[in-house]
Amino acid sequence: MQIDEELTLKKLETFLAFMRSGNLSKAAAELNTSNVSVHRAIHSLESALRCPLFKHEGRNLIPLESAYVLEEKAQKLVQDVLETVRQTREAAGFSAERFKLGALYSLTVKTVPQLIMGLKLRRSELNIDLILGSNIDLFYKLKNMELDAILVSLNESVGHDPDCAQLPLFADDIFLAAPADSPFAQQAEVDLSDLRDATFITLTQGFATHQDGNRVFQQAGFEPKVAMQVNDIFTLLSMVNSGVGYALLPGRVGMVYESRVKLVPLQARYHLQQHIGVVFLKAKERDPNLLALLAECRMYSLKHPS
């Protein structure tokens, strides 16, 4: 048995509205249409089903047993279709109830909390999953649609991928992180070449700060003595605080261990900035959740001009 092309979900919705109200005028008002349109939809539905649904008593339509059977089944059918649409859109990342945001560890000090607070004000029903990692790991997850957007350094690891779009947030200088009792901690600026014999701690490869640090060391003309590599910037700061070694870090982490770890500016010849921004797939650029995040990012960038 083939489904008649006249049997549509829209007509079933009209039929259900009439069954709820029992009145053409009330059904028409609910659907914001005319009495004639409701009557025509019901008549067309009977033609498509090839059986009567109502009997006429004067100007009234009285439901038959067939109408009650259709009402029960149609309610479930319409609900199933709505749920199917919701799940399909959610699988594609559109208007999902959860938003998966990736970010660098260092951005959790200030930027990420502010953006999430703003996003929750815009979309209070939204549940946000925060996934932390390196530039390379987060970009890989974005490309594989495991994340909806990422807050990262806009360097060559994210590049200019044709499938992605970027929105800059702010620029951040690279500093020397030194223990508060270090002789370098009180300097107005430091010549990095003076630390060629010092011990350093770095992040592992894949992190933007690791790559930026390598560039600064190249400008200083030496290969650093690396005591250890760690997987997050807060462990790195703890090691610096404990006197294990020095590090090159972005200024945004300055408030962590503020009294015990000093961020000392580098001399102008070693000057290097990280450009932080949000990266997302162009295929999702009309998703309401993403649009809300981008609106917050624009507000944030206006308050933190580079």
Protein backbone atom coordinates (compact mmCIF):
# COMPACT_ATOMS: atom_id res chain seq x y z
CA MET A 1 0.00 0.00 0.00
CA GLN A 2 1.43 3.37 -1.04
CA ILE A 3 0.93 6.56 0.96
CA ASP A 4 -1.25 9.02 -0.90
CA GLU A 5 0.63 12.24 -1.68
CA GLU A 6 -2.29 14.21 -0.22
CA LEU A 7 -1.58 12.73 3.20
CA THR A 8 0.72 15.33 4.75
CA LEU A 9 1.95 16.18 8.24
CA LYS A 10 0.48 19.66 7.90
CA LYS A 11 -2.99 18.22 7.37
CA LEU A 12 -2.53 15.90 10.31
CA GLU A 13 -1.60 18.90 12.48
CA THR A 14 -4.76 20.68 11.29
CA PHE A 15 -6.83 17.58 12.04
CA LEU A 16 -5.34 17.33 15.56
CA ALA A 17 -6.07 21.00 16.22
CA PHE A 18 -9.71 20.42 15.27
CA MET A 19 -9.94 17.32 17.46
CA ARG A 20 -8.59 19.29 20.43
CA SER A 21 -11.01 22.17 19.99
CA GLY A 22 -13.99 20.41 18.43
CA ASN A 23 -14.70 23.59 16.55
CA LEU A 24 -13.62 24.93 13.15
CA SER A 25 -13.28 28.52 14.36
CA LYS A 26 -11.17 27.61 17.39
CA ALA A 27 -8.94 25.34 15.31
CA ALA A 28 -8.51 28.08 12.71
CA ALA A 29 -7.59 30.61 15.42
CA GLU A 30 -5.03 28.20 16.92
CA LEU A 31 -3.43 27.67 13.51
CA ASN A 32 -3.77 31.30 12.46
CA THR A 33 -5.73 30.36 9.35
CA SER A 34 -9.34 30.42 8.10
CA ASN A 35 -12.30 28.14 8.82
CA VAL A 36 -12.40 27.24 5.14
CA SER A 37 -8.74 26.13 5.19
CA VAL A 38 -9.36 23.87 8.20
CA HIS A 39 -12.45 22.35 6.59
CA ARG A 40 -10.61 21.85 3.29
CA ALA A 41 -7.66 20.14 5.03
CA ILE A 42 -9.98 17.73 6.86
CA HIS A 43 -11.88 16.89 3.68
CA SER A 44 -8.58 16.35 1.80
CA LEU A 45 -7.39 14.09 4.61
CA GLU A 46 -10.52 11.92 4.28
CA SER A 47 -9.90 11.68 0.53
CA ALA A 48 -6.28 10.65 1.08
CA LEU A 49 -7.28 8.01 3.65
CA ARG A 50 -10.18 6.85 1.48
CA CYS A 51 -12.53 6.66 4.47
CA PRO A 52 -14.74 9.09 6.39
CA LEU A 53 -13.56 10.62 9.66
CA PHE A 54 -16.64 12.65 10.58
CA LYS A 55 -20.35 12.66 10.11
CA HIS A 56 -22.28 15.86 9.47
CA GLU A 57 -24.99 16.98 11.85
CA GLY A 58 -26.15 20.29 10.51
CA ARG A 59 -23.06 22.44 10.31
CA ASN A 60 -21.20 20.37 12.91
CA LEU A 61 -18.60 17.66 12.27
CA ILE A 62 -19.00 14.74 14.65
CA PRO A 63 -15.92 12.45 14.94
CA LEU A 64 -16.35 8.81 13.98
CA GLU A 65 -14.40 5.94 15.55
CA SER A 66 -11.91 6.29 12.69
CA ALA A 67 -11.17 9.88 13.75
CA TYR A 68 -10.30 8.81 17.30
CA VAL A 69 -7.97 6.09 16.01
CA LEU A 70 -6.28 8.58 13.69
CA GLU A 71 -6.01 11.13 16.49
CA GLU A 72 -4.17 8.70 18.77
CA LYS A 73 -1.76 7.53 16.07
CA ALA A 74 -1.24 10.99 14.53
CA GLN A 75 -0.27 12.51 17.88
CA LYS A 76 2.53 9.96 18.24
CA LEU A 77 3.51 10.33 14.58
CA VAL A 78 3.84 14.14 14.76
CA GLN A 79 5.76 13.89 18.03
CA ASP A 80 8.12 11.30 16.52
CA VAL A 81 8.74 13.52 13.50
CA LEU A 82 9.52 16.53 15.72
CA GLU A 83 11.91 14.43 17.79
CA THR A 84 13.54 13.08 14.62
CA VAL A 85 14.10 16.62 13.36
CA ARG A 86 15.55 17.65 16.73
CA GLN A 87 17.93 14.68 16.90
CA THR A 88 18.99 15.15 13.28
CA ARG A 89 19.81 18.82 13.85
CA GLU A 90 21.57 17.98 17.10
CA ALA A 91 23.72 15.34 15.36
CA ALA A 92 24.73 18.04 12.87
CA GLY A 93 25.45 20.44 15.73
CA PHE A 94 22.56 22.82 15.05
CA SER A 95 20.63 24.16 18.04
CA ALA A 96 21.75 21.26 20.17
CA GLU A 97 20.97 21.39 23.88
CA ARG A 98 24.70 20.97 24.53
CA PHE A 99 27.44 23.20 23.17
CA LYS A 100 30.94 21.73 23.05
CA LEU A 101 33.54 24.45 23.44
CA GLY A 102 37.26 23.78 23.17
CA ALA A 103 39.83 26.12 24.71
CA LEU A 104 43.46 26.50 25.69
CA TYR A 105 44.17 25.94 29.39
CA SER A 106 45.51 29.48 29.72
CA LEU A 107 42.22 30.99 28.58
CA THR A 108 40.38 29.54 31.60
CA VAL A 109 41.98 32.19 33.83
CA LYS A 110 39.77 34.97 32.51
CA THR A 111 38.50 34.74 28.94
CA VAL A 112 36.57 31.46 29.01
CA PRO A 113 34.61 32.22 32.23
CA GLN A 114 33.51 35.61 30.87
CA LEU A 115 32.42 34.15 27.53
CA ILE A 116 30.54 31.28 29.15
CA MET A 117 28.73 33.62 31.55
CA GLY A 118 27.65 35.79 28.62
CA LEU A 119 26.60 32.78 26.57
CA LYS A 120 24.48 31.45 29.45
CA LEU A 121 22.75 34.81 29.75
CA ARG A 122 21.87 34.68 26.07
CA ARG A 123 20.85 31.00 26.06
CA SER A 124 20.06 29.97 29.63
CA GLU A 125 18.82 26.52 28.59
CA LEU A 126 22.15 25.63 26.97
CA ASN A 127 24.46 23.11 28.63
CA ILE A 128 28.12 23.83 27.86
CA ASP A 129 30.85 21.19 27.76
CA LEU A 130 34.35 22.70 28.10
CA ILE A 131 37.18 20.65 26.60
CA LEU A 132 40.75 21.83 27.23
CA GLY A 133 43.77 20.99 25.12
CA SER A 134 46.46 22.19 22.76
CA ASN A 135 45.98 24.15 19.56
CA ILE A 136 46.60 21.08 17.41
CA ASP A 137 44.38 18.71 19.42
CA LEU A 138 41.48 21.16 19.57
CA PHE A 139 41.64 21.95 15.86
CA TYR A 140 41.63 18.22 15.05
CA LYS A 141 38.51 17.73 17.18
CA LEU A 142 36.82 20.72 15.54
CA LYS A 143 37.47 19.36 12.06
CA ASN A 144 36.05 15.99 13.14
CA MET A 145 32.93 17.75 14.49
CA GLU A 146 33.68 16.71 18.07
CA LEU A 147 33.63 20.39 19.05
CA ASP A 148 31.35 23.25 18.02
CA ALA A 149 33.96 26.00 18.37
CA ILE A 150 37.48 26.43 19.73
CA LEU A 151 39.29 29.31 21.47
CA VAL A 152 42.91 29.05 20.36
CA SER A 153 45.96 30.89 19.10
CA LEU A 154 45.43 31.90 15.47
CA ASN A 155 48.76 30.55 14.26
CA GLU A 156 49.81 28.20 11.47
CA SER A 157 48.41 25.16 13.31
CA VAL A 158 44.89 26.38 12.53
CA GLY A 159 46.00 28.21 9.37
CA HIS A 160 43.47 29.35 6.80
CA ASP A 161 41.49 26.17 6.37
CA PRO A 162 38.78 26.73 3.71
CA ASP A 163 36.22 24.89 5.86
CA CYS A 164 36.76 27.15 8.86
CA ALA A 165 36.24 30.77 9.82
CA GLN A 166 37.99 32.82 12.50
CA LEU A 167 37.06 35.72 14.74
CA PRO A 168 40.00 37.46 16.52
CA LEU A 169 39.59 38.26 20.23
CA PHE A 170 42.82 39.85 21.49
CA ALA A 171 46.61 39.80 21.23
CA ASP A 172 48.85 38.72 24.11
CA ASP A 173 52.59 39.40 24.63
CA ILE A 174 55.05 36.67 25.58
CA PHE A 175 56.93 37.21 28.88
CA LEU A 176 59.64 35.53 30.89
CA ALA A 177 58.08 33.74 33.88
CA ALA A 178 60.50 33.81 36.81
CA PRO A 179 60.23 32.94 40.52
CA ALA A 180 59.69 36.03 42.67
CA ASP A 181 63.14 35.60 44.29
CA SER A 182 64.97 35.36 40.94
CA PRO A 183 67.42 38.18 40.10
CA PHE A 184 65.52 38.64 36.83
CA ALA A 185 62.15 39.13 38.56
CA GLN A 186 62.85 42.77 39.46
CA GLN A 187 64.11 43.86 36.04
CA ALA A 188 62.04 46.23 33.91
CA GLU A 189 62.83 44.03 30.89
CA VAL A 190 65.10 41.09 30.31
CA ASP A 191 67.65 40.20 27.65
CA LEU A 192 66.80 36.56 27.00
CA SER A 193 70.37 35.80 25.91
CA ASP A 194 71.39 36.33 29.56
CA LEU A 195 69.52 33.11 30.37
CA ARG A 196 71.30 30.84 27.90
CA ASP A 197 72.69 28.78 30.80
CA ALA A 198 69.42 28.74 32.76
CA THR A 199 66.99 25.83 33.01
CA PHE A 200 63.59 26.11 31.35
CA ILE A 201 60.25 24.33 31.56
CA THR A 202 58.07 24.17 28.45
CA LEU A 203 54.73 22.88 27.32
CA THR A 204 54.71 19.85 25.05
CA GLN A 205 54.61 20.15 21.27
CA GLY A 206 51.23 21.08 19.84
CA PHE A 207 50.68 23.93 22.28
CA ALA A 208 50.87 27.40 20.77
CA THR A 209 53.05 28.64 23.64
CA HIS A 210 55.59 25.88 22.92
CA GLN A 211 55.84 26.99 19.29
CA ASP A 212 56.05 30.68 20.22
CA GLY A 213 58.72 29.95 22.80
CA ASN A 214 60.84 28.21 20.16
CA ARG A 215 60.62 31.31 17.95
CA VAL A 216 61.79 33.57 20.78
CA PHE A 217 64.69 31.27 21.61
CA GLN A 218 65.71 31.29 17.95
CA GLN A 219 65.73 35.10 18.05
CA ALA A 220 67.92 34.93 21.16
CA GLY A 221 70.31 32.59 19.34
CA PHE A 222 70.38 29.60 21.68
CA GLU A 223 68.72 26.27 22.38
CA PRO A 224 67.23 26.26 25.90
CA LYS A 225 68.15 23.69 28.52
CA VAL A 226 64.76 22.07 29.11
CA ALA A 227 64.39 20.37 32.48
CA MET A 228 60.90 19.05 31.74
CA GLN A 229 57.87 19.38 29.49
CA VAL A 230 54.32 19.46 30.87
CA ASN A 231 50.83 19.19 29.40
CA ASP A 232 49.15 22.23 30.94
CA ILE A 233 50.14 25.77 31.74
CA PHE A 234 49.13 25.59 35.41
CA THR A 235 51.53 22.72 36.13
CA LEU A 236 54.18 24.74 34.32
CA LEU A 237 53.50 27.77 36.54
CA SER A 238 53.70 25.56 39.62
CA MET A 239 57.11 24.31 38.52
CA VAL A 240 58.33 27.88 38.01
CA ASN A 241 56.97 28.83 41.43
CA SER A 242 58.88 25.91 42.95
CA GLY A 243 62.13 27.11 41.39
CA VAL A 244 62.50 24.22 38.94
CA GLY A 245 63.18 26.63 36.07
CA TYR A 246 62.06 29.57 33.97
CA ALA A 247 59.42 29.63 31.23
CA LEU A 248 58.13 31.78 28.40
CA LEU A 249 54.42 32.44 28.91
CA PRO A 250 51.62 34.73 27.66
CA GLY A 251 50.60 37.66 29.85
CA ARG A 252 47.05 36.38 30.42
CA VAL A 253 48.29 33.90 33.05
CA GLY A 254 49.89 36.66 35.13
CA MET A 255 47.23 36.58 37.86
CA VAL A 256 48.00 32.92 38.65
CA TYR A 257 50.69 32.75 41.40
CA GLU A 258 50.72 36.55 41.03
CA SER A 259 52.80 37.19 44.16
CA ARG A 260 55.20 34.29 43.63
CA VAL A 261 55.76 34.17 39.85
CA LYS A 262 56.69 37.35 38.00
CA LEU A 263 56.09 37.90 34.29
CA VAL A 264 58.99 40.04 33.10
CA PRO A 265 58.79 41.81 29.71
CA LEU A 266 61.31 40.74 27.10
CA GLN A 267 63.47 43.27 25.31
CA ALA A 268 61.88 44.68 22.16
CA ARG A 269 64.00 42.52 19.83
CA TYR A 270 62.39 39.40 21.32
CA HIS A 271 58.88 40.83 21.19
CA LEU A 272 56.28 38.27 20.10
CA GLN A 273 52.49 38.23 20.39
CA GLN A 274 49.91 35.46 20.41
CA HIS A 275 46.71 36.32 18.57
CA ILE A 276 43.80 34.62 20.30
CA GLY A 277 40.48 34.00 18.58
CA VAL A 278 37.56 31.67 18.05
CA VAL A 279 37.59 29.17 15.18
CA PHE A 280 34.48 27.38 13.89
CA LEU A 281 33.26 25.43 10.88
CA LYS A 282 31.61 27.53 8.18
CA ALA A 283 28.97 24.80 7.82
CA LYS A 284 27.69 25.72 11.31
CA GLU A 285 27.88 29.49 11.05
CA ARG A 286 24.07 29.88 11.20
CA ASP A 287 23.60 27.68 14.25
CA PRO A 288 21.89 29.78 16.97
CA ASN A 289 24.22 28.50 19.69
CA LEU A 290 27.31 29.44 17.70
CA LEU A 291 25.83 32.81 16.77
CA ALA A 292 25.31 33.53 20.48
CA LEU A 293 28.95 32.66 21.23
CA LEU A 294 30.20 34.84 18.35
CA ALA A 295 28.12 37.75 19.65
CA GLU A 296 29.79 37.37 23.06
CA CYS A 297 33.22 37.13 21.40
CA ARG A 298 32.61 40.39 19.54
CA MET A 299 31.62 42.08 22.79
CA TYR A 300 34.76 40.70 24.46
CA SER A 301 37.04 41.91 21.66
CA LEU A 302 35.59 45.43 21.92
CA LYS A 303 36.45 45.50 25.62
CA HIS A 304 39.95 44.11 25.00
CA PRO A 305 41.29 45.88 21.89
CA SER A 306 44.64 44.58 20.65
